[in-house]
Amino acid sequence: MSALNFITPDWPVPANVKAVQTTRLGGVSLAPYASLNLGAHVSDDATAVATNRQLLKPYLPSEPVWLNQVHGIAVIDAAQSTCLQNADASLTTQPNVVCVTMTADCLPVLLCDKAGTVVAAVHAGWRGLCDGAIEATVHKMQVPPNEILAWLGPAIGPNAFEVDAEVRSQFIQHDQQAALAFKTHGDKWLCSMYLIAQQRLNALGVTQIYGCGVNEDFCTYSDEARFFSFRRDNMTGRMASLIWLSAAI
C-alpha cells in the first residue's frame, strides 16, 4: 500500500500533530469490501481485515485505539482505554497514542488545539451529530474552544444525504439555524452534515474549520472509486480517520 492512497488533511496544525485519512484503496479485501476495509464488524473476512490493519502500521506510531461505535456521544481517553469500548469519540494528550474513527458516509471530525497538546477523533453520524458528539468531545478536550482547529473528513454530501422530516425536525429542535442545512427533495429533505457540524462548532467558539465541505468536496456516496458508502452499497467496508501527537524531538 502506498501513502498516495491516503488523504492528508490540509490544515494549519502544529508540527507534532499528525493525521491521515484512508480511502478504500490499497488493501486486500475482496468485493464488496474492496479493498482497504478496516472494519472488523461488517462481515468481511477477518484475515483480510487484519492484513489491512497491518498495512497501516508503517505509517502509525502504535496500534489505533479502535472503538465500538454505537452512534452515541461517549468520549474516551484513548491513552487510558482498551480497544472496542462503546464510544463514538476518543482523545489523547499523550504522544504516540492514535485516536481513530471509522466511517462509510458518517462524518469524521478530527480536532486539535493550536499548542499541540490534545487531539481527538469524532464519529458523527446524523444521530451523534444531532445529540452532541462534537460538543461532548470539545468539552472534554479542556482547552479554550477558540484554540481548537477542526478538520471535517469525507462523508455523504449535501446532494446525496436524503432524510425524512423527523430527522430534520430533531436537528431544528436543537438549533433553529439547522434549517439552513436542509433543502426539499420531493417529500423528503437533503441534509448537509458539513454545514450542521460547522454550525455546532461555531456555536462552541470553534471557528477554524477545514476539510471536506469547507475547501474540499469529498462525497463518499458519489465517489465510488475512492470511498466506501453504506447508503450507496449497504454491504461495504469502512475507512479510518486517524490522529495522534508525535513524540517530542
Protein backbone atom coordinates (compact mmCIF):
# COMPACT_ATOMS: atom_id res chain seq x y z
CA MET A 1 0.00 0.00 0.00
CA SER A 2 1.25 3.45 -0.86
CA ALA A 3 0.69 6.58 1.20
CA LEU A 4 -0.62 8.02 -2.06
CA ASN A 5 -3.85 6.16 -1.28
CA PHE A 6 -4.28 8.34 1.79
CA ILE A 7 -5.73 11.80 2.10
CA THR A 8 -3.51 14.06 4.19
CA PRO A 9 -5.63 16.67 5.96
CA ASP A 10 -4.77 20.18 4.83
CA TRP A 11 -4.99 22.34 7.95
CA PRO A 12 -2.51 24.57 9.79
CA VAL A 13 -1.78 22.33 12.76
CA PRO A 14 1.34 22.28 14.96
CA ALA A 15 4.20 20.13 13.68
CA ASN A 16 3.64 17.47 16.31
CA VAL A 17 0.01 16.85 15.27
CA LYS A 18 -0.20 14.05 12.72
CA ALA A 19 -3.31 12.93 10.87
CA VAL A 20 -4.27 10.71 7.97
CA GLN A 21 -7.48 9.72 6.22
CA THR A 22 -7.64 6.35 4.49
CA THR A 23 -9.58 5.69 1.31
CA ARG A 24 -10.89 2.36 0.07
CA LEU A 25 -7.72 1.85 -1.99
CA GLY A 26 -4.64 -0.21 -1.25
CA GLY A 27 -5.87 -3.22 0.70
CA VAL A 28 -6.54 -6.93 0.19
CA SER A 29 -10.28 -7.31 0.85
CA LEU A 30 -12.46 -8.65 -1.93
CA ALA A 31 -15.71 -7.14 -3.19
CA PRO A 32 -17.95 -5.79 -1.79
CA TYR A 33 -15.29 -4.72 0.73
CA ALA A 34 -12.59 -3.99 -1.85
CA SER A 35 -10.05 -3.18 -0.88
CA LEU A 36 -8.74 -1.38 2.23
CA ASN A 37 -11.63 -2.26 4.54
CA LEU A 38 -10.62 -1.56 8.15
CA GLY A 39 -13.94 -2.50 9.74
CA ALA A 40 -13.96 -5.81 11.61
CA HIS A 41 -17.73 -5.65 12.17
CA VAL A 42 -19.01 -5.71 8.57
CA SER A 43 -18.80 -9.46 7.76
CA ASP A 44 -15.59 -9.15 5.77
CA ASP A 45 -13.06 -11.96 6.03
CA ALA A 46 -11.30 -11.50 9.39
CA THR A 47 -7.89 -12.33 7.96
CA ALA A 48 -8.29 -9.70 5.25
CA VAL A 49 -9.26 -7.05 7.81
CA ALA A 50 -6.29 -7.98 9.99
CA THR A 51 -3.99 -7.73 6.97
CA ASN A 52 -5.42 -4.34 6.05
CA ARG A 53 -4.83 -3.06 9.57
CA GLN A 54 -1.30 -4.39 9.45
CA LEU A 55 -0.75 -2.39 6.28
CA LEU A 56 -1.31 0.79 8.31
CA LYS A 57 1.49 0.00 10.75
CA PRO A 58 4.38 1.65 8.84
CA TYR A 59 2.51 4.95 8.91
CA LEU A 60 1.49 4.98 12.58
CA PRO A 61 3.41 5.09 15.88
CA SER A 62 1.18 2.49 17.54
CA GLU A 63 -1.96 0.41 17.07
CA PRO A 64 -5.01 2.69 16.85
CA VAL A 65 -7.43 2.53 19.76
CA TRP A 66 -10.35 1.13 17.76
CA LEU A 67 -13.84 1.91 19.08
CA ASN A 68 -17.08 0.00 19.08
CA GLN A 69 -19.07 2.86 17.56
CA VAL A 70 -22.72 2.97 18.64
CA HIS A 71 -23.91 6.34 17.24
CA GLY A 72 -23.78 7.93 20.66
CA ILE A 73 -21.83 10.76 22.28
CA ALA A 74 -19.49 8.94 24.68
CA VAL A 75 -15.87 10.14 24.59
CA ILE A 76 -12.97 8.07 25.91
CA ASP A 77 -9.38 8.86 26.79
CA ALA A 78 -7.53 6.70 24.28
CA ALA A 79 -4.42 6.50 26.44
CA GLN A 80 -6.42 5.03 29.32
CA SER A 81 -8.65 2.72 27.29
CA THR A 82 -8.64 -0.67 25.64
CA CYS A 83 -9.85 -1.27 22.11
CA LEU A 84 -13.52 -1.80 21.30
CA GLN A 85 -15.03 0.22 24.11
CA ASN A 86 -18.50 1.54 23.32
CA ALA A 87 -17.82 5.14 22.31
CA ASP A 88 -18.01 7.45 19.33
CA ALA A 89 -15.07 9.70 20.08
CA SER A 90 -11.65 9.49 21.64
CA LEU A 91 -8.99 11.98 22.65
CA THR A 92 -5.47 11.96 24.00
CA THR A 93 -2.85 14.27 25.44
CA GLN A 94 -0.19 11.56 25.28
CA PRO A 95 2.30 11.19 22.41
CA ASN A 96 2.09 8.22 20.04
CA VAL A 97 -1.47 7.27 21.06
CA VAL A 98 -3.60 7.00 17.91
CA CYS A 99 -7.23 8.13 18.03
CA VAL A 100 -9.40 6.76 15.23
CA THR A 101 -12.92 6.86 13.90
CA MET A 102 -14.29 4.62 11.15
CA THR A 103 -16.88 5.77 8.62
CA ALA A 104 -18.63 4.97 5.36
CA ASP A 105 -20.93 8.02 5.00
CA CYS A 106 -20.95 9.32 8.58
CA LEU A 107 -18.89 12.44 9.20
CA PRO A 108 -15.43 12.02 10.73
CA VAL A 109 -14.23 15.06 12.66
CA LEU A 110 -10.60 15.49 13.72
CA LEU A 111 -9.74 18.08 16.38
CA CYS A 112 -6.58 19.51 17.90
CA ASP A 113 -5.50 22.60 19.78
CA LYS A 114 -3.09 25.23 18.44
CA ALA A 115 -0.49 24.33 21.04
CA GLY A 116 -0.45 20.66 20.04
CA THR A 117 -1.33 19.36 23.50
CA VAL A 118 -4.52 17.41 22.73
CA VAL A 119 -6.09 15.68 19.73
CA ALA A 120 -9.42 13.94 19.18
CA ALA A 121 -11.36 11.93 16.60
CA VAL A 122 -15.16 12.03 16.46
CA HIS A 123 -17.63 9.71 14.69
CA ALA A 124 -20.54 11.99 13.78
CA GLY A 125 -23.31 10.13 12.04
CA TRP A 126 -26.56 12.04 11.98
CA ARG A 127 -27.64 10.73 15.38
CA GLY A 128 -24.36 11.54 17.08
CA LEU A 129 -24.16 14.89 15.32
CA CYS A 130 -27.70 15.73 16.45
CA ASP A 131 -27.23 14.53 20.02
CA GLY A 132 -23.96 16.36 20.61
CA ALA A 133 -20.96 14.12 19.88
CA ILE A 134 -18.90 17.11 18.73
CA GLU A 135 -19.89 19.20 21.76
CA ALA A 136 -19.08 16.36 24.18
CA THR A 137 -15.62 15.97 22.65
CA VAL A 138 -14.77 19.67 22.60
CA HIS A 139 -15.80 20.00 26.24
CA LYS A 140 -13.67 17.03 27.24
CA MET A 141 -10.60 18.46 25.48
CA GLN A 142 -10.47 21.08 28.25
CA VAL A 143 -8.86 23.81 26.19
CA PRO A 144 -10.41 27.13 25.10
CA PRO A 145 -12.61 26.50 22.03
CA ASN A 146 -11.00 29.40 20.19
CA GLU A 147 -7.73 27.47 20.42
CA ILE A 148 -9.20 24.42 18.64
CA LEU A 149 -8.85 23.53 14.96
CA ALA A 150 -11.25 21.12 13.25
CA TRP A 151 -10.96 19.04 10.09
CA LEU A 152 -14.07 17.50 8.54
CA GLY A 153 -13.39 14.27 6.64
CA PRO A 154 -15.14 12.57 3.71
CA ALA A 155 -18.85 11.95 4.31
CA ILE A 156 -22.06 11.65 2.34
CA GLY A 157 -22.53 15.04 0.74
CA PRO A 158 -25.43 17.51 0.81
CA ASN A 159 -26.68 16.46 -2.62
CA ALA A 160 -26.88 12.78 -1.67
CA PHE A 161 -27.90 12.55 2.00
CA GLU A 162 -31.67 12.21 1.91
CA VAL A 163 -33.55 12.21 5.22
CA ASP A 164 -37.16 12.34 6.32
CA ALA A 165 -38.99 15.15 8.07
CA GLU A 166 -38.47 13.60 11.50
CA VAL A 167 -34.67 13.77 11.18
CA ARG A 168 -34.89 17.38 10.06
CA SER A 169 -37.19 18.18 12.96
CA GLN A 170 -34.78 16.71 15.50
CA PHE A 171 -31.95 18.93 14.29
CA ILE A 172 -34.11 22.06 14.22
CA GLN A 173 -35.42 21.35 17.72
CA HIS A 174 -31.81 21.50 18.88
CA ASP A 175 -30.97 24.65 16.92
CA GLN A 176 -33.21 26.67 14.62
CA GLN A 177 -30.31 27.60 12.34
CA ALA A 178 -30.05 23.92 11.34
CA ALA A 179 -32.92 24.61 8.95
CA LEU A 180 -30.33 26.19 6.65
CA ALA A 181 -28.73 22.76 6.20
CA PHE A 182 -31.82 21.21 4.57
CA LYS A 183 -33.43 21.60 1.17
CA THR A 184 -36.56 19.94 -0.11
CA HIS A 185 -36.24 16.79 -2.22
CA GLY A 186 -39.66 15.51 -3.19
CA ASP A 187 -41.41 14.54 0.03
CA LYS A 188 -38.06 14.31 1.85
CA TRP A 189 -35.06 16.51 2.52
CA LEU A 190 -31.41 16.70 1.53
CA CYS A 191 -29.17 17.35 4.51
CA SER A 192 -25.69 18.88 4.79
CA MET A 193 -23.95 17.30 7.77
CA TYR A 194 -20.99 19.52 6.93
CA LEU A 195 -22.97 22.70 7.49
CA ILE A 196 -24.52 21.40 10.71
CA ALA A 197 -21.09 20.41 12.01
CA GLN A 198 -19.78 23.89 11.21
CA GLN A 199 -22.78 25.45 12.97
CA ARG A 200 -22.23 23.32 16.06
CA LEU A 201 -18.51 24.08 16.14
CA ASN A 202 -19.11 27.80 15.66
CA ALA A 203 -21.65 27.79 18.50
CA LEU A 204 -18.96 26.34 20.76
CA GLY A 205 -16.49 29.01 19.72
CA VAL A 206 -14.51 26.86 17.27
CA THR A 207 -14.10 28.89 14.11
CA GLN A 208 -11.00 27.41 12.45
CA ILE A 209 -12.65 24.66 10.41
CA TYR A 210 -11.06 22.95 7.43
CA GLY A 211 -11.52 19.97 5.14
CA CYS A 212 -14.46 18.49 3.33
CA GLY A 213 -17.45 20.71 2.79
CA VAL A 214 -15.25 23.74 3.54
CA ASN A 215 -12.47 23.91 0.97
CA GLU A 216 -12.65 20.35 -0.36
CA ASP A 217 -15.50 18.26 -1.72
CA PHE A 218 -15.17 14.55 -0.96
CA CYS A 219 -18.62 12.92 -1.08
CA THR A 220 -18.47 9.26 -0.09
CA TYR A 221 -21.73 8.47 -1.88
CA SER A 222 -20.79 9.92 -5.26
CA ASP A 223 -17.08 8.97 -5.36
CA GLU A 224 -17.35 5.18 -5.60
CA ALA A 225 -13.75 4.81 -6.81
CA ARG A 226 -12.24 6.24 -3.62
CA PHE A 227 -14.77 5.82 -0.84
CA PHE A 228 -16.95 3.25 0.86
CA SER A 229 -20.61 4.29 1.20
CA PHE A 230 -23.16 2.43 3.30
CA ARG A 231 -26.05 4.42 1.83
CA ARG A 232 -24.93 3.57 -1.71
CA ASP A 233 -23.93 -0.08 -1.29
CA ASN A 234 -25.30 -1.27 2.08
CA MET A 235 -22.74 -4.08 2.30
CA THR A 236 -19.41 -2.31 2.26
CA GLY A 237 -16.18 -1.56 4.12
CA ARG A 238 -15.07 1.21 6.45
CA MET A 239 -12.43 3.92 6.15
CA ALA A 240 -10.42 5.37 9.02
CA SER A 241 -9.63 8.91 10.13
CA LEU A 242 -6.61 8.85 12.42
CA ILE A 243 -4.90 11.50 14.53
CA TRP A 244 -2.09 11.49 17.09
CA LEU A 245 0.60 13.56 18.75
CA SER A 246 4.14 12.73 17.75
CA ALA A 247 6.79 12.37 20.41
CA ALA A 248 8.83 15.47 21.21
CA ILE A 249 12.01 15.79 19.19
